[in-house]
Amino acid sequence: MNSQKTRIAFLGTGLMGGPMARHLVSQFEVTVWNRSTEKAEALADVAKIAASPAEAARNADVVISMLLDGPATRAVLEDDGAIAAAADKALIIDMGSVEPSCDQALAALATKMGKRFLDAPVSGGVAGAEAKTLSIFVGAAPADFEAAKPILEILGRPTLMGPVGTGQTAKLANQLIVAVTIGAVAEAFRLADAAGCDPATLRGALRGGFADSRILDLHGERMVTGNFKPGGRSAAQLKDLNNALAVAEKHALTLPLSETVKAGFSDFVHNKGGADLDHSAYYLWLSQIQPDKANRS
């Protein structure tokens, strides 16, 4: 792929999409679109700004979507005409987190239009997007993966998981591990705090042992410092849990830990004002559901 002639449309320039698009402009001609115009205009110094998805994608060699969920992705790629507007044989790459069936349906549509489709959701949060260290789970035909690889490698570490849909399945598996581990770390810190053991000291002591993890490192730090500015929103975590458990139900699987954590995130998002806080704020939810000490005495 000749990077000097490759035209990329990047749709969705939010918390993660913004830095991802910015990384691509050093090697490609990039046009961006975002539903909230001001987020796209933040890239005006390096990229072209489009007024609509179809305008951004017109004759593009590659269309990358980084959108909130399945309905938003279908609306932009299908209803708003982004797939149709792209060049013949264009690569359509969905890097948002959606249900596998959504991308499988979009892939069928793209094929009918003479385009190539990949699902390539990511893990690593805003920090990974900024540092170009995202884990990228790709579902695609091998030839399409090889064609997209030079672009994806700018953003992180792409791995071909299998055909379209398997990238999203891998991301859902990732999100189950993330959510359950956040829950475990949060409960451990709450237990320590209640029994007179400083959570920050505990976090340091656990480093290097069997309980160590990136969740303990990054999200554990958020918990002990009270920094819940979103890197990954709790509402998005809940969306991924709902999608994962829908896949589990389809395959007659029971996932008790995931069900329990999903119920917690659901209460936090819908009833406790946590939708726009980082998913590590599950730690706050645990304090919100504790009985008042005065009522326990």
Protein backbone atom coordinates (compact mmCIF):
# COMPACT_ATOMS: atom_id res chain seq x y z
CA MET A 1 0.00 0.00 0.00
CA ASN A 2 1.53 3.32 -1.08
CA SER A 3 1.15 5.53 1.98
CA GLN A 4 1.61 8.72 -0.06
CA LYS A 5 -1.54 8.02 -2.05
CA THR A 6 -3.64 6.27 0.60
CA ARG A 7 -6.64 8.28 1.72
CA ILE A 8 -8.07 7.44 5.13
CA ALA A 9 -11.44 8.53 6.48
CA PHE A 10 -11.53 8.36 10.28
CA LEU A 11 -15.04 8.43 11.74
CA GLY A 12 -15.31 9.06 15.48
CA THR A 13 -12.65 11.25 17.07
CA GLY A 14 -13.54 10.97 20.76
CA LEU A 15 -11.33 10.03 23.71
CA MET A 16 -9.53 7.28 21.82
CA GLY A 17 -10.32 8.08 18.19
CA GLY A 18 -8.76 11.54 18.42
CA PRO A 19 -5.22 10.40 19.26
CA MET A 20 -5.52 7.41 16.91
CA ALA A 21 -6.39 9.66 13.97
CA ARG A 22 -3.57 12.03 14.87
CA HIS A 23 -1.02 9.19 14.70
CA LEU A 24 -2.09 8.34 11.14
CA VAL A 25 -1.61 11.79 9.64
CA SER A 26 2.18 11.45 9.67
CA GLN A 27 1.98 8.81 6.93
CA PHE A 28 -1.44 9.13 5.29
CA GLU A 29 -3.90 11.69 3.96
CA VAL A 30 -6.59 11.73 6.67
CA THR A 31 -10.09 13.19 6.68
CA VAL A 32 -12.01 13.09 9.97
CA TRP A 33 -15.63 13.30 11.00
CA ASN A 34 -17.29 13.30 14.40
CA ARG A 35 -20.91 13.81 15.36
CA SER A 36 -19.79 16.47 17.88
CA THR A 37 -18.06 18.83 15.49
CA GLU A 38 -15.73 20.37 18.06
CA LYS A 39 -14.00 17.00 18.61
CA ALA A 40 -13.22 16.75 14.90
CA GLU A 41 -12.09 20.36 14.74
CA ALA A 42 -9.47 19.60 17.39
CA LEU A 43 -7.64 17.83 14.54
CA ALA A 44 -7.95 20.69 12.06
CA ASP A 45 -4.23 21.40 12.36
CA VAL A 46 -3.34 18.05 10.81
CA ALA A 47 -6.40 16.63 9.04
CA LYS A 48 -9.26 17.61 6.76
CA ILE A 49 -12.63 18.03 8.49
CA ALA A 50 -15.75 16.60 6.83
CA ALA A 51 -19.33 17.65 7.46
CA SER A 52 -20.74 14.13 7.12
CA PRO A 53 -19.58 10.49 7.17
CA ALA A 54 -20.20 10.15 3.44
CA GLU A 55 -18.18 13.28 2.70
CA ALA A 56 -15.28 11.97 4.79
CA ALA A 57 -15.41 8.56 3.10
CA ARG A 58 -15.84 9.78 -0.48
CA ASN A 59 -13.29 7.87 -2.62
CA ALA A 60 -11.32 6.91 0.51
CA ASP A 61 -9.05 3.88 0.27
CA VAL A 62 -9.61 3.10 3.95
CA VAL A 63 -12.53 3.95 6.23
CA ILE A 64 -11.94 3.52 9.97
CA SER A 65 -14.84 3.79 12.39
CA MET A 66 -14.30 4.29 16.13
CA LEU A 67 -17.85 4.74 17.35
CA LEU A 68 -19.79 4.15 20.55
CA ASP A 69 -21.78 1.01 19.83
CA GLY A 70 -23.50 -1.15 17.23
CA PRO A 71 -26.43 1.19 16.47
CA ALA A 72 -24.10 4.18 16.02
CA THR A 73 -21.76 2.14 13.82
CA ARG A 74 -24.57 0.88 11.58
CA ALA A 75 -26.05 4.37 11.34
CA VAL A 76 -22.76 5.91 10.20
CA LEU A 77 -21.42 3.16 7.95
CA GLU A 78 -24.70 2.04 6.40
CA ASP A 79 -27.46 4.63 6.83
CA ASP A 80 -25.21 7.69 6.40
CA GLY A 81 -23.52 6.11 3.39
CA ALA A 82 -19.88 5.84 4.48
CA ILE A 83 -19.39 2.35 3.03
CA ALA A 84 -21.11 3.28 -0.21
CA ALA A 85 -19.01 6.44 -0.61
CA ALA A 86 -15.64 4.70 -0.22
CA ALA A 87 -13.50 3.73 -3.20
CA ASP A 88 -13.90 0.39 -4.95
CA LYS A 89 -12.19 -2.37 -2.92
CA ALA A 90 -11.72 0.03 0.01
CA LEU A 91 -10.87 -1.39 3.42
CA ILE A 92 -13.68 -0.72 5.91
CA ILE A 93 -12.24 -1.18 9.40
CA ASP A 94 -14.48 -1.08 12.47
CA MET A 95 -12.28 -0.40 15.51
CA GLY A 96 -15.13 0.31 17.91
CA SER A 97 -16.56 -2.29 20.29
CA VAL A 98 -19.82 -3.73 18.98
CA GLU A 99 -21.64 -7.05 19.00
CA PRO A 100 -20.07 -9.56 16.56
CA SER A 101 -23.32 -9.91 14.60
CA CYS A 102 -23.26 -6.18 13.83
CA ASP A 103 -19.92 -6.38 12.05
CA GLN A 104 -20.84 -9.62 10.30
CA ALA A 105 -23.90 -7.89 8.83
CA LEU A 106 -21.86 -4.84 7.83
CA ALA A 107 -19.25 -7.11 6.24
CA ALA A 108 -21.93 -8.73 4.08
CA LEU A 109 -23.12 -5.28 3.01
CA ALA A 110 -19.58 -4.13 2.22
CA THR A 111 -18.94 -7.25 0.14
CA LYS A 112 -22.06 -6.58 -1.94
CA MET A 113 -20.73 -3.08 -2.59
CA GLY A 114 -17.30 -4.34 -3.66
CA LYS A 115 -15.53 -3.29 -0.46
CA ARG A 116 -13.47 -5.26 2.10
CA PHE A 117 -14.41 -5.34 5.77
CA LEU A 118 -12.43 -5.96 8.97
CA ASP A 119 -13.51 -5.83 12.60
CA ALA A 120 -10.56 -4.59 14.66
CA PRO A 121 -11.61 -3.50 18.16
CA VAL A 122 -8.91 -2.37 20.54
CA SER A 123 -7.85 -2.62 24.16
CA GLY A 124 -5.57 -0.26 26.04
CA GLY A 125 -7.74 2.75 26.75
CA VAL A 126 -6.80 6.36 26.17
CA ALA A 127 -3.27 5.74 27.43
CA GLY A 128 -2.77 3.00 24.84
CA ALA A 129 -4.26 5.13 22.08
CA GLU A 130 -1.93 8.00 22.91
CA ALA A 131 1.14 5.75 23.21
CA LYS A 132 0.37 3.70 20.06
CA THR A 133 0.40 0.50 22.13
CA LEU A 134 -3.16 -0.73 21.62
CA SER A 135 -3.92 -4.43 21.45
CA ILE A 136 -5.91 -4.81 18.22
CA PHE A 137 -8.11 -7.89 17.73
CA VAL A 138 -8.76 -8.40 14.03
CA GLY A 139 -11.43 -10.47 12.32
CA ALA A 140 -10.84 -10.59 8.57
CA ALA A 141 -9.79 -12.60 5.54
CA PRO A 142 -6.01 -13.12 5.73
CA ALA A 143 -5.37 -11.04 2.61
CA ASP A 144 -7.41 -8.15 3.98
CA PHE A 145 -5.53 -8.34 7.27
CA GLU A 146 -2.21 -8.09 5.43
CA ALA A 147 -3.49 -5.09 3.48
CA ALA A 148 -4.58 -3.31 6.67
CA LYS A 149 -1.58 -4.31 8.77
CA PRO A 150 0.69 -1.35 7.88
CA ILE A 151 -2.03 1.01 9.11
CA LEU A 152 -2.93 -0.94 12.23
CA GLU A 153 0.71 -1.32 13.25
CA ILE A 154 0.95 2.46 13.57
CA LEU A 155 -1.68 2.27 16.30
CA GLY A 156 -0.55 -0.83 18.19
CA ARG A 157 -0.19 -4.59 17.95
CA PRO A 158 -2.71 -6.23 15.57
CA THR A 159 -3.46 -9.95 15.83
CA LEU A 160 -5.57 -11.86 13.31
CA MET A 161 -8.13 -13.81 15.33
CA GLY A 162 -10.05 -15.43 12.44
CA PRO A 163 -12.90 -14.39 10.14
CA VAL A 164 -15.02 -11.26 10.58
CA GLY A 165 -16.70 -11.31 13.99
CA THR A 166 -13.87 -13.02 15.86
CA GLY A 167 -12.16 -9.71 16.53
CA GLN A 168 -15.24 -8.49 18.38
CA THR A 169 -15.53 -11.82 20.21
CA ALA A 170 -11.92 -11.46 21.38
CA LYS A 171 -12.65 -7.92 22.58
CA LEU A 172 -15.65 -9.15 24.55
CA ALA A 173 -13.47 -11.80 26.19
CA ASN A 174 -10.98 -9.05 27.01
CA GLN A 175 -13.73 -6.93 28.55
CA LEU A 176 -14.92 -9.78 30.76
CA ILE A 177 -11.40 -10.12 32.17
CA VAL A 178 -11.10 -6.36 32.65
CA ALA A 179 -14.46 -5.97 34.39
CA VAL A 180 -14.09 -8.96 36.69
CA THR A 181 -10.54 -7.93 37.62
CA ILE A 182 -11.63 -4.35 38.33
CA GLY A 183 -14.30 -5.81 40.61
CA ALA A 184 -11.78 -8.03 42.39
CA VAL A 185 -9.26 -5.23 42.95
CA ALA A 186 -11.98 -2.85 44.13
CA GLU A 187 -13.34 -5.39 46.62
CA ALA A 188 -9.83 -6.19 47.89
CA PHE A 189 -9.14 -2.51 48.51
CA ARG A 190 -12.49 -2.02 50.25
CA LEU A 191 -11.80 -5.02 52.47
CA ALA A 192 -8.33 -3.71 53.33
CA ASP A 193 -9.61 -0.22 54.10
CA ALA A 194 -12.44 -1.50 56.32
CA ALA A 195 -10.00 -3.64 58.34
CA GLY A 196 -7.43 -0.87 58.83
CA CYS A 197 -4.98 -1.70 56.04
CA ASP A 198 -4.10 1.22 53.76
CA PRO A 199 -5.15 0.38 50.16
CA ALA A 200 -2.26 2.35 48.65
CA THR A 201 0.25 0.44 50.76
CA LEU A 202 -1.50 -2.81 49.87
CA ARG A 203 -1.28 -2.01 46.16
CA GLY A 204 2.47 -1.56 46.44
CA ALA A 205 2.88 -4.76 48.45
CA LEU A 206 0.92 -6.80 45.89
CA ARG A 207 3.14 -5.73 42.99
CA GLY A 208 5.19 -8.62 41.65
CA GLY A 209 3.07 -11.31 43.33
CA PHE A 210 0.37 -13.53 41.86
CA ALA A 211 -2.24 -10.78 42.32
CA ASP A 212 -0.29 -8.29 40.18
CA SER A 213 -1.83 -7.10 36.90
CA ARG A 214 -2.19 -4.01 34.73
CA ILE A 215 -5.57 -3.51 36.38
CA LEU A 216 -3.91 -3.42 39.80
CA ASP A 217 -1.27 -1.08 38.42
CA LEU A 218 -3.33 1.41 36.42
CA HIS A 219 -6.86 1.14 37.79
CA GLY A 220 -5.67 0.38 41.29
CA GLU A 221 -3.84 3.69 41.24
CA ARG A 222 -7.03 5.43 40.13
CA MET A 223 -8.88 3.86 43.05
CA VAL A 224 -6.39 4.93 45.71
CA THR A 225 -5.98 8.46 44.30
CA GLY A 226 -9.65 9.00 43.46
CA ASN A 227 -8.95 9.86 39.81
CA PHE A 228 -11.99 8.68 37.89
CA LYS A 229 -11.67 10.91 34.83
CA PRO A 230 -12.70 8.51 32.06
CA GLY A 231 -10.15 6.56 30.13
CA GLY A 232 -12.86 3.95 29.63
CA ARG A 233 -16.39 5.00 30.58
CA SER A 234 -18.45 2.81 32.89
CA ALA A 235 -21.35 3.05 30.42
CA ALA A 236 -19.12 1.59 27.70
CA GLN A 237 -17.97 -1.18 30.04
CA LEU A 238 -21.60 -2.05 30.74
CA LYS A 239 -22.35 -2.08 27.00
CA ASP A 240 -19.53 -4.57 26.43
CA LEU A 241 -20.68 -6.76 29.32
CA ASN A 242 -24.20 -6.83 27.93
CA ASN A 243 -22.87 -7.79 24.50
CA ALA A 244 -20.61 -10.49 25.95
CA LEU A 245 -23.40 -12.04 27.97
CA ALA A 246 -25.69 -11.97 24.92
CA VAL A 247 -23.08 -14.04 23.07
CA ALA A 248 -22.83 -16.35 26.08
CA GLU A 249 -26.60 -16.84 26.08
CA LYS A 250 -26.52 -17.61 22.36
CA HIS A 251 -24.09 -20.43 23.09
CA ALA A 252 -25.91 -21.63 26.22
CA LEU A 253 -23.09 -20.56 28.55
CA THR A 254 -23.46 -19.49 32.16
CA LEU A 255 -20.83 -16.96 33.32
CA PRO A 256 -21.56 -16.27 37.04
CA LEU A 257 -18.71 -13.83 37.75
CA SER A 258 -19.52 -11.79 34.67
CA GLU A 259 -23.21 -11.69 35.56
CA THR A 260 -22.41 -10.41 39.05
CA VAL A 261 -20.09 -7.66 37.85
CA LYS A 262 -22.56 -6.67 35.12
CA ALA A 263 -25.27 -6.21 37.75
CA GLY A 264 -22.93 -3.92 39.69
CA PHE A 265 -22.06 -1.81 36.66
CA SER A 266 -25.73 -1.66 35.67
CA ASP A 267 -26.70 -0.24 39.08
CA PHE A 268 -23.75 2.17 39.03
CA VAL A 269 -24.53 3.44 35.52
CA HIS A 270 -28.32 3.62 35.75
CA ASN A 271 -28.93 4.44 39.42
CA LYS A 272 -25.76 5.88 40.97
CA GLY A 273 -24.61 8.50 38.44
CA GLY A 274 -21.57 6.57 37.25
CA ALA A 275 -22.15 6.41 33.48
CA ASP A 276 -19.46 8.92 32.52
CA LEU A 277 -16.90 7.97 35.18
CA ASP A 278 -14.00 5.65 34.46
CA HIS A 279 -14.82 1.96 34.90
CA SER A 280 -12.40 1.84 37.84
CA ALA A 281 -15.06 3.89 39.65
CA TYR A 282 -16.71 0.54 40.38
CA TYR A 283 -14.71 1.18 43.58
CA LEU A 284 -17.04 4.11 44.31
CA TRP A 285 -20.08 1.95 43.67
CA LEU A 286 -18.95 -0.43 46.42
CA SER A 287 -18.95 2.44 48.90
CA GLN A 288 -22.35 3.60 47.68
CA ILE A 289 -24.00 0.26 48.40
CA GLN A 290 -22.59 -0.10 51.93
CA PRO A 291 -25.08 0.33 54.80
CA ASP A 292 -24.63 3.55 56.76
CA LYS A 293 -22.33 2.89 59.72
CA ALA A 294 -24.77 4.64 62.04
CA ASN A 295 -27.47 2.15 61.06
CA ARG A 296 -25.16 -0.78 61.81
CA SER A 297 -24.29 0.33 65.36
